[in-house]
Amino acid sequence: MLYQILIVFHVLIAIGIVVFVLLQQGKGADVGAAFGSGASGTVFGARGSASFLSRTTAILAALFFLTSLSLAYFTDLREEKKDVIEMLKSAEDIPPVEEKAPADTPVVVPAEPGEPEKVDKQ
């Protein structure tokens, strides 16, 4: 149950990081604001959104890192530990499956060019 909650939390944090990174202005946005094409003091105050968005992005990145490590730890606890060599040996132990056609299945023999196909009953 904790594992599923951690996965949901991890995905929500990842979506939050994407949203906050896309909300941030690029370095060239200040040049446009200097010539009057942008609003410098909007929703986030006169200082702009840089400190709020960058701080929130950093916190979400740290939480994403922690949930990644936690998921790796819990996954290691849940899985059976096997070597790669043991997995290969167990795959070799399985006998190959041979499929045999029923006795009443006709066998189609390819014909020479210009001749009709021959059907042999065995």
C-alpha atoms as a PDB file:
ATOM      1  CA  MET A   1       0.000   0.000   0.000  1.00  0.00           C
ATOM      2  CA  LEU A   2       2.841   2.386   0.851  1.00  0.00           C
ATOM      3  CA  TYR A   3       4.533   1.557  -2.445  1.00  0.00           C
ATOM      4  CA  GLN A   4       1.484   2.586  -4.511  1.00  0.00           C
ATOM      5  CA  ILE A   5       1.066   5.821  -2.533  1.00  0.00           C
ATOM      6  CA  LEU A   6       4.734   6.607  -3.101  1.00  0.00           C
ATOM      7  CA  ILE A   7       4.360   6.020  -6.853  1.00  0.00           C
ATOM      8  CA  VAL A   8       1.344   8.354  -7.043  1.00  0.00           C
ATOM      9  CA  PHE A   9       3.211  11.006  -5.030  1.00  0.00           C
ATOM     10  CA  HIS A  10       6.257  10.591  -7.290  1.00  0.00           C
ATOM     11  CA  VAL A  11       4.195  11.098 -10.463  1.00  0.00           C
ATOM     12  CA  LEU A  12       2.450  14.161  -9.006  1.00  0.00           C
ATOM     13  CA  ILE A  13       5.815  15.679  -8.090  1.00  0.00           C
ATOM     14  CA  ALA A  14       7.090  15.024 -11.626  1.00  0.00           C
ATOM     15  CA  ILE A  15       4.053  16.768 -13.116  1.00  0.00           C
ATOM     16  CA  GLY A  16       4.570  19.671 -10.698  1.00  0.00           C
ATOM     17  CA  ILE A  17       8.203  20.041 -11.755  1.00  0.00           C
ATOM     18  CA  VAL A  18       7.207  20.149 -15.415  1.00  0.00           C
ATOM     19  CA  VAL A  19       4.539  22.782 -14.736  1.00  0.00           C
ATOM     20  CA  PHE A  20       6.820  25.005 -12.642  1.00  0.00           C
ATOM     21  CA  VAL A  21       9.685  24.788 -15.125  1.00  0.00           C
ATOM     22  CA  LEU A  22       7.364  25.759 -17.961  1.00  0.00           C
ATOM     23  CA  LEU A  23       5.996  28.708 -15.941  1.00  0.00           C
ATOM     24  CA  GLN A  24       9.440  30.200 -15.421  1.00  0.00           C
ATOM     25  CA  GLN A  25      10.561  32.985 -17.726  1.00  0.00           C
ATOM     26  CA  GLY A  26      13.675  32.629 -19.795  1.00  0.00           C
ATOM     27  CA  LYS A  27      16.694  34.938 -19.552  1.00  0.00           C
ATOM     28  CA  GLY A  28      15.563  36.896 -22.619  1.00  0.00           C
ATOM     29  CA  ALA A  29      12.214  37.856 -21.047  1.00  0.00           C
ATOM     30  CA  ASP A  30      13.767  40.803 -19.155  1.00  0.00           C
ATOM     31  CA  VAL A  31      14.786  42.495 -22.390  1.00  0.00           C
ATOM     32  CA  GLY A  32      11.185  42.480 -23.613  1.00  0.00           C
ATOM     33  CA  ALA A  33       9.948  43.911 -20.301  1.00  0.00           C
ATOM     34  CA  ALA A  34      12.449  46.781 -20.543  1.00  0.00           C
ATOM     35  CA  PHE A  35      10.848  47.947 -23.801  1.00  0.00           C
ATOM     36  CA  GLY A  36       7.318  47.780 -22.402  1.00  0.00           C
ATOM     37  CA  SER A  37       6.108  44.549 -23.946  1.00  0.00           C
ATOM     38  CA  GLY A  38       5.783  42.587 -20.717  1.00  0.00           C
ATOM     39  CA  ALA A  39       4.262  43.073 -17.301  1.00  0.00           C
ATOM     40  CA  SER A  40       7.044  43.036 -14.716  1.00  0.00           C
ATOM     41  CA  GLY A  41       4.886  43.072 -11.567  1.00  0.00           C
ATOM     42  CA  THR A  42       2.054  40.602 -12.025  1.00  0.00           C
ATOM     43  CA  VAL A  43       0.499  37.914  -9.848  1.00  0.00           C
ATOM     44  CA  PHE A  44       3.614  37.158  -7.784  1.00  0.00           C
ATOM     45  CA  GLY A  45       4.459  40.742  -6.740  1.00  0.00           C
ATOM     46  CA  ALA A  46       6.888  43.435  -7.818  1.00  0.00           C
ATOM     47  CA  ARG A  47       9.950  41.193  -7.555  1.00  0.00           C
ATOM     48  CA  GLY A  48       8.399  38.928 -10.135  1.00  0.00           C
ATOM     49  CA  SER A  49       7.888  35.228 -10.063  1.00  0.00           C
ATOM     50  CA  ALA A  50      11.553  34.211 -10.249  1.00  0.00           C
ATOM     51  CA  SER A  51      12.178  33.639  -6.548  1.00  0.00           C
ATOM     52  CA  PHE A  52       8.860  31.890  -5.874  1.00  0.00           C
ATOM     53  CA  LEU A  53       9.010  29.629  -8.933  1.00  0.00           C
ATOM     54  CA  SER A  54      12.692  28.792  -8.616  1.00  0.00           C
ATOM     55  CA  ARG A  55      12.349  28.013  -4.901  1.00  0.00           C
ATOM     56  CA  THR A  56       9.287  25.829  -5.496  1.00  0.00           C
ATOM     57  CA  THR A  57      11.038  24.033  -8.356  1.00  0.00           C
ATOM     58  CA  ALA A  58      14.056  23.346  -6.144  1.00  0.00           C
ATOM     59  CA  ILE A  59      11.847  21.949  -3.367  1.00  0.00           C
ATOM     60  CA  LEU A  60       9.971  19.729  -5.832  1.00  0.00           C
ATOM     61  CA  ALA A  61      13.277  18.526  -7.311  1.00  0.00           C
ATOM     62  CA  ALA A  62      14.530  17.559  -3.844  1.00  0.00           C
ATOM     63  CA  LEU A  63      11.267  15.722  -3.115  1.00  0.00           C
ATOM     64  CA  PHE A  64      11.505  13.966  -6.494  1.00  0.00           C
ATOM     65  CA  PHE A  65      15.031  12.846  -5.623  1.00  0.00           C
ATOM     66  CA  LEU A  66      13.889  11.516  -2.249  1.00  0.00           C
ATOM     67  CA  THR A  67      10.903   9.658  -3.706  1.00  0.00           C
ATOM     68  CA  SER A  68      13.156   8.157  -6.392  1.00  0.00           C
ATOM     69  CA  LEU A  69      15.520   6.804  -3.752  1.00  0.00           C
ATOM     70  CA  SER A  70      12.591   5.540  -1.665  1.00  0.00           C
ATOM     71  CA  LEU A  71      11.055   3.749  -4.649  1.00  0.00           C
ATOM     72  CA  ALA A  72      14.400   2.133  -5.441  1.00  0.00           C
ATOM     73  CA  TYR A  73      14.749   0.965  -1.835  1.00  0.00           C
ATOM     74  CA  PHE A  74      11.219  -0.443  -1.607  1.00  0.00           C
ATOM     75  CA  THR A  75      11.535  -2.120  -5.005  1.00  0.00           C
ATOM     76  CA  ASP A  76      14.696  -3.836  -3.828  1.00  0.00           C
ATOM     77  CA  LEU A  77      12.844  -5.142  -0.780  1.00  0.00           C
ATOM     78  CA  ARG A  78       9.907  -6.436  -2.828  1.00  0.00           C
ATOM     79  CA  GLU A  79      11.835  -8.309  -5.533  1.00  0.00           C
ATOM     80  CA  GLU A  80      13.456 -11.704  -5.237  1.00  0.00           C
ATOM     81  CA  LYS A  81      17.184 -11.321  -5.511  1.00  0.00           C
ATOM     82  CA  LYS A  82      18.557 -13.317  -8.449  1.00  0.00           C
ATOM     83  CA  ASP A  83      21.775 -13.154 -10.370  1.00  0.00           C
ATOM     84  CA  VAL A  84      21.668 -12.704 -14.122  1.00  0.00           C
ATOM     85  CA  ILE A  85      23.513 -16.014 -14.501  1.00  0.00           C
ATOM     86  CA  GLU A  86      20.859 -17.811 -12.430  1.00  0.00           C
ATOM     87  CA  MET A  87      18.115 -16.358 -14.603  1.00  0.00           C
ATOM     88  CA  LEU A  88      19.920 -17.536 -17.751  1.00  0.00           C
ATOM     89  CA  LYS A  89      20.392 -21.027 -16.297  1.00  0.00           C
ATOM     90  CA  SER A  90      16.703 -21.272 -15.417  1.00  0.00           C
ATOM     91  CA  ALA A  91      15.783 -20.201 -18.966  1.00  0.00           C
ATOM     92  CA  GLU A  92      18.020 -22.933 -20.409  1.00  0.00           C
ATOM     93  CA  ASP A  93      16.403 -25.605 -18.234  1.00  0.00           C
ATOM     94  CA  ILE A  94      13.043 -25.181 -19.948  1.00  0.00           C
ATOM     95  CA  PRO A  95      12.746 -27.719 -22.766  1.00  0.00           C
ATOM     96  CA  PRO A  96      11.771 -26.363 -26.191  1.00  0.00           C
ATOM     97  CA  VAL A  97       8.168 -26.903 -27.235  1.00  0.00           C
ATOM     98  CA  GLU A  98       7.718 -28.996 -30.361  1.00  0.00           C
ATOM     99  CA  GLU A  99       4.490 -28.562 -32.219  1.00  0.00           C
ATOM    100  CA  LYS A 100       3.353 -31.497 -34.322  1.00  0.00           C
ATOM    101  CA  ALA A 101       0.710 -31.191 -36.991  1.00  0.00           C
ATOM    102  CA  PRO A 102      -2.257 -33.583 -36.822  1.00  0.00           C
ATOM    103  CA  ALA A 103      -2.030 -36.625 -39.103  1.00  0.00           C
ATOM    104  CA  ASP A 104      -4.931 -35.559 -41.330  1.00  0.00           C
ATOM    105  CA  THR A 105      -3.397 -32.161 -42.200  1.00  0.00           C
ATOM    106  CA  PRO A 106      -2.501 -31.959 -45.913  1.00  0.00           C
ATOM    107  CA  VAL A 107       1.069 -31.052 -46.821  1.00  0.00           C
ATOM    108  CA  VAL A 108       1.378 -28.450 -49.584  1.00  0.00           C
ATOM    109  CA  VAL A 109       4.407 -29.000 -51.808  1.00  0.00           C
ATOM    110  CA  PRO A 110       5.605 -25.914 -53.681  1.00  0.00           C
ATOM    111  CA  ALA A 111       5.234 -26.269 -57.441  1.00  0.00           C
ATOM    112  CA  GLU A 112       7.616 -25.423 -60.222  1.00  0.00           C
ATOM    113  CA  PRO A 113       6.797 -22.187 -62.040  1.00  0.00           C
ATOM    114  CA  GLY A 114       3.913 -22.849 -64.454  1.00  0.00           C
ATOM    115  CA  GLU A 115       2.669 -26.002 -62.656  1.00  0.00           C
ATOM    116  CA  PRO A 116      -0.228 -26.204 -60.174  1.00  0.00           C
ATOM    117  CA  GLU A 117       0.532 -26.914 -56.496  1.00  0.00           C
ATOM    118  CA  LYS A 118       0.452 -30.547 -55.382  1.00  0.00           C
ATOM    119  CA  VAL A 119      -1.319 -31.582 -52.212  1.00  0.00           C
ATOM    120  CA  ASP A 120      -0.096 -34.819 -50.648  1.00  0.00           C
ATOM    121  CA  LYS A 121      -2.117 -36.642 -47.999  1.00  0.00           C
ATOM    122  CA  GLN A 122       0.044 -38.432 -45.487  1.00  0.00           C
END
